[in-house]
Amino acid sequence: MPTVLIVPGLRDHVDAHWQTLLAARLAARGGPVRCVPPMGRADLDCATRVAAIEREAQAVEGPLILVAHSGGCVMVAHWARQTKRAVHGALLAAPPDFDRPMPEGYPTVDELRASGWLPVPRRTLPFPSIVAASRNDPLADYGRVAELARDWGSRLVDLGEVGHLNPASGYGDWPRAELFIAELSHR
């Protein structure tokens, strides 16, 4: 069974977030799971976050599946350009559009550029991936996410209107993530 590596976005630890709940559920069943530590919005350095993914990924023996949310999806795209680590697949849920201004409280385009996030990598990812996108995500237009999915070579899944798929959008547990992980595991 592949190890699931959880890659959070630009947030601190949130007990009610679907990634936190997923990690706990997998661990309770004895499934191999690791988490890249959340780094919040205070330190935006993209290279630091990519290095954290590399550390966790290299600590895993055997097959690896990445489960990223929001800014974690962009981190994975940056990481994929430089790692030599084989990856079985990736679930990339609700990637943001860092090329456009985001709502108040989120980093500006200039802050993201200065921290190494831009340009967002657009090359095909070197592993199978699923991009799960919302029709009403306040951090990204569905059409822009569809372009990212196409550029990354990902299968695009339309989740409907689920906001940013986070507690603020009414989501804690997201059982569908396990279905996507199973799909990637059986490729």
Protein backbone atom coordinates (compact mmCIF):
# COMPACT_ATOMS: atom_id res chain seq x y z
CA MET A 1 0.00 0.00 0.00
CA PRO A 2 1.45 3.39 -0.92
CA THR A 3 2.31 5.89 1.78
CA VAL A 4 0.10 8.97 1.66
CA LEU A 5 1.99 12.24 2.06
CA ILE A 6 -0.28 15.12 3.09
CA VAL A 7 0.82 18.52 1.70
CA PRO A 8 -1.11 21.41 3.28
CA GLY A 9 -1.54 24.83 1.76
CA LEU A 10 -0.83 28.26 3.21
CA ARG A 11 -2.40 27.62 6.59
CA ASP A 12 -1.55 26.67 10.12
CA HIS A 13 -2.66 23.38 11.66
CA VAL A 14 -6.47 23.09 11.56
CA ASP A 15 -8.05 20.17 13.46
CA ALA A 16 -11.26 20.26 11.40
CA HIS A 17 -9.56 20.38 7.96
CA TRP A 18 -10.21 17.38 5.71
CA GLN A 19 -6.47 16.69 5.36
CA THR A 20 -6.04 16.52 9.15
CA LEU A 21 -9.06 14.23 9.46
CA LEU A 22 -7.87 12.07 6.56
CA ALA A 23 -4.40 11.63 8.10
CA ALA A 24 -5.94 10.62 11.44
CA ARG A 25 -8.35 8.17 9.79
CA LEU A 26 -5.61 6.54 7.69
CA ALA A 27 -3.30 6.27 10.70
CA ALA A 28 -6.09 4.78 12.87
CA ARG A 29 -6.52 2.03 10.26
CA GLY A 30 -2.77 1.38 10.23
CA GLY A 31 -2.28 2.97 6.82
CA PRO A 32 1.08 4.53 6.12
CA VAL A 33 0.71 8.32 6.25
CA ARG A 34 3.08 11.26 6.71
CA CYS A 35 2.43 14.98 6.80
CA VAL A 36 4.48 17.92 5.62
CA PRO A 37 4.27 20.30 8.59
CA PRO A 38 1.98 23.29 7.97
CA MET A 39 3.94 26.53 7.76
CA GLY A 40 1.14 29.09 7.80
CA ARG A 41 1.15 32.40 5.96
CA ALA A 42 3.94 34.09 7.93
CA ASP A 43 6.87 32.52 6.04
CA LEU A 44 5.97 32.41 2.36
CA ASP A 45 9.34 31.17 1.06
CA CYS A 46 8.44 28.62 -1.60
CA ALA A 47 11.91 26.99 -1.55
CA THR A 48 11.54 26.25 2.18
CA ARG A 49 8.21 24.56 1.57
CA VAL A 50 9.54 22.56 -1.39
CA ALA A 51 12.47 21.41 0.77
CA ALA A 52 9.98 20.23 3.41
CA ILE A 53 8.17 18.11 0.81
CA GLU A 54 11.50 16.65 -0.32
CA ARG A 55 12.50 15.74 3.26
CA GLU A 56 9.23 13.96 3.94
CA ALA A 57 9.11 12.23 0.53
CA GLN A 58 12.68 10.95 0.82
CA ALA A 59 11.90 9.53 4.28
CA VAL A 60 9.29 7.23 2.73
CA GLU A 61 10.30 3.80 1.47
CA GLY A 62 8.18 2.34 -1.30
CA PRO A 63 5.30 3.83 -3.28
CA LEU A 64 4.19 7.37 -2.52
CA ILE A 65 0.92 9.23 -3.13
CA LEU A 66 0.75 12.97 -2.53
CA VAL A 67 -2.45 14.58 -1.24
CA ALA A 68 -2.21 18.36 -1.59
CA HIS A 69 -4.70 21.12 -0.94
CA SER A 70 -4.71 24.73 -2.14
CA GLY A 71 -1.22 26.24 -2.12
CA GLY A 72 0.11 22.73 -1.47
CA CYS A 73 -0.83 21.90 -5.08
CA VAL A 74 1.44 24.68 -6.33
CA MET A 75 4.18 23.49 -3.93
CA VAL A 76 3.91 20.01 -5.46
CA ALA A 77 4.23 21.48 -8.98
CA HIS A 78 7.42 23.31 -7.94
CA TRP A 79 8.75 20.23 -6.12
CA ALA A 80 8.05 17.92 -9.09
CA ARG A 81 10.43 19.98 -11.26
CA GLN A 82 13.44 19.20 -9.10
CA THR A 83 12.92 15.92 -7.25
CA LYS A 84 14.23 12.53 -8.32
CA ARG A 85 11.73 10.79 -6.01
CA ALA A 86 9.33 8.47 -7.80
CA VAL A 87 5.67 9.21 -7.10
CA HIS A 88 2.80 6.81 -7.67
CA GLY A 89 0.27 9.64 -8.03
CA ALA A 90 -1.08 12.90 -6.62
CA LEU A 91 -4.45 14.25 -5.58
CA LEU A 92 -4.39 18.03 -6.05
CA ALA A 93 -7.49 19.53 -4.43
CA ALA A 94 -8.65 23.11 -4.96
CA PRO A 95 -5.46 24.63 -6.39
CA PRO A 96 -5.48 28.43 -6.13
CA ASP A 97 -4.83 30.86 -8.94
CA PHE A 98 -1.73 32.65 -7.65
CA ASP A 99 -1.51 34.70 -10.88
CA ARG A 100 -4.58 36.74 -9.90
CA PRO A 101 -5.31 38.79 -6.77
CA MET A 102 -6.85 36.75 -3.97
CA PRO A 103 -9.28 37.84 -1.25
CA GLU A 104 -8.23 40.02 1.69
CA GLY A 105 -6.05 38.13 4.15
CA TYR A 106 -4.23 36.10 1.51
CA PRO A 107 -0.80 36.94 0.06
CA THR A 108 -0.67 39.44 -2.79
CA VAL A 109 0.64 38.55 -6.22
CA ASP A 110 3.74 40.66 -5.48
CA GLU A 111 4.35 38.80 -2.18
CA LEU A 112 3.99 35.45 -3.93
CA ARG A 113 6.36 36.51 -6.72
CA ALA A 114 8.96 37.77 -4.21
CA SER A 115 8.71 34.47 -2.29
CA GLY A 116 9.38 32.31 -5.38
CA TRP A 117 5.87 31.01 -6.10
CA LEU A 118 5.55 32.67 -9.50
CA PRO A 119 5.50 31.73 -12.21
CA VAL A 120 3.44 28.68 -11.30
CA PRO A 121 4.99 25.66 -13.08
CA ARG A 122 2.92 24.60 -16.07
CA ARG A 123 4.87 21.56 -17.27
CA THR A 124 3.30 18.10 -17.27
CA LEU A 125 3.82 16.45 -13.91
CA PRO A 126 6.03 13.34 -14.03
CA PHE A 127 3.39 11.21 -12.30
CA PRO A 128 -0.36 10.56 -12.63
CA SER A 129 -2.51 13.17 -10.95
CA ILE A 130 -6.09 14.20 -10.29
CA VAL A 131 -7.05 17.86 -9.94
CA ALA A 132 -10.28 18.22 -7.94
CA ALA A 133 -11.78 21.65 -8.66
CA SER A 134 -14.65 23.69 -7.26
CA ARG A 135 -17.04 25.75 -9.38
CA ASN A 136 -17.21 28.54 -6.76
CA ASP A 137 -13.76 28.59 -5.19
CA PRO A 138 -12.99 32.14 -3.96
CA LEU A 139 -9.28 31.51 -4.66
CA ALA A 140 -9.55 30.33 -8.27
CA ASP A 141 -11.85 30.47 -11.24
CA TYR A 142 -12.86 26.98 -12.41
CA GLY A 143 -11.68 27.69 -15.97
CA ARG A 144 -8.22 28.71 -14.72
CA VAL A 145 -7.98 25.52 -12.65
CA ALA A 146 -9.01 23.50 -15.71
CA GLU A 147 -6.08 25.11 -17.59
CA LEU A 148 -3.70 24.12 -14.78
CA ALA A 149 -5.03 20.54 -14.86
CA ARG A 150 -4.51 20.39 -18.62
CA ASP A 151 -0.98 21.78 -18.37
CA TRP A 152 -0.06 19.41 -15.53
CA GLY A 153 -1.47 16.42 -17.48
CA SER A 154 -3.97 15.80 -14.69
CA ARG A 155 -7.43 14.31 -14.82
CA LEU A 156 -9.84 17.11 -13.92
CA VAL A 157 -12.71 16.31 -11.56
CA ASP A 158 -15.55 18.83 -11.22
CA LEU A 159 -16.59 18.84 -7.54
CA GLY A 160 -19.45 21.24 -8.11
CA GLU A 161 -19.91 24.17 -5.75
CA VAL A 162 -17.76 23.32 -2.72
CA GLY A 163 -16.08 26.67 -2.13
CA HIS A 164 -12.42 26.19 -1.25
CA LEU A 165 -13.09 22.71 0.19
CA ASN A 166 -12.11 23.87 3.68
CA PRO A 167 -13.83 24.42 7.04
CA ALA A 168 -14.74 28.00 6.05
CA SER A 169 -16.68 26.48 3.11
CA GLY A 170 -18.43 23.97 5.37
CA TYR A 171 -16.03 21.10 4.82
CA GLY A 172 -14.35 19.11 7.52
CA ASP A 173 -14.35 15.48 6.54
CA TRP A 174 -14.09 14.79 2.79
CA PRO A 175 -14.48 11.00 2.30
CA ARG A 176 -14.19 11.33 -1.47
CA ALA A 177 -10.45 11.94 -1.01
CA GLU A 178 -10.05 8.27 -0.12
CA LEU A 179 -11.74 7.24 -3.37
CA PHE A 180 -9.26 9.34 -5.34
CA ILE A 181 -6.36 7.88 -3.34
CA ALA A 182 -7.63 4.36 -4.09
CA GLU A 183 -7.87 5.21 -7.79
CA LEU A 184 -4.29 6.48 -7.81
CA SER A 185 -3.12 3.43 -5.81
CA HIS A 186 -4.48 1.04 -8.43
CA ARG A 187 -2.83 2.69 -11.42
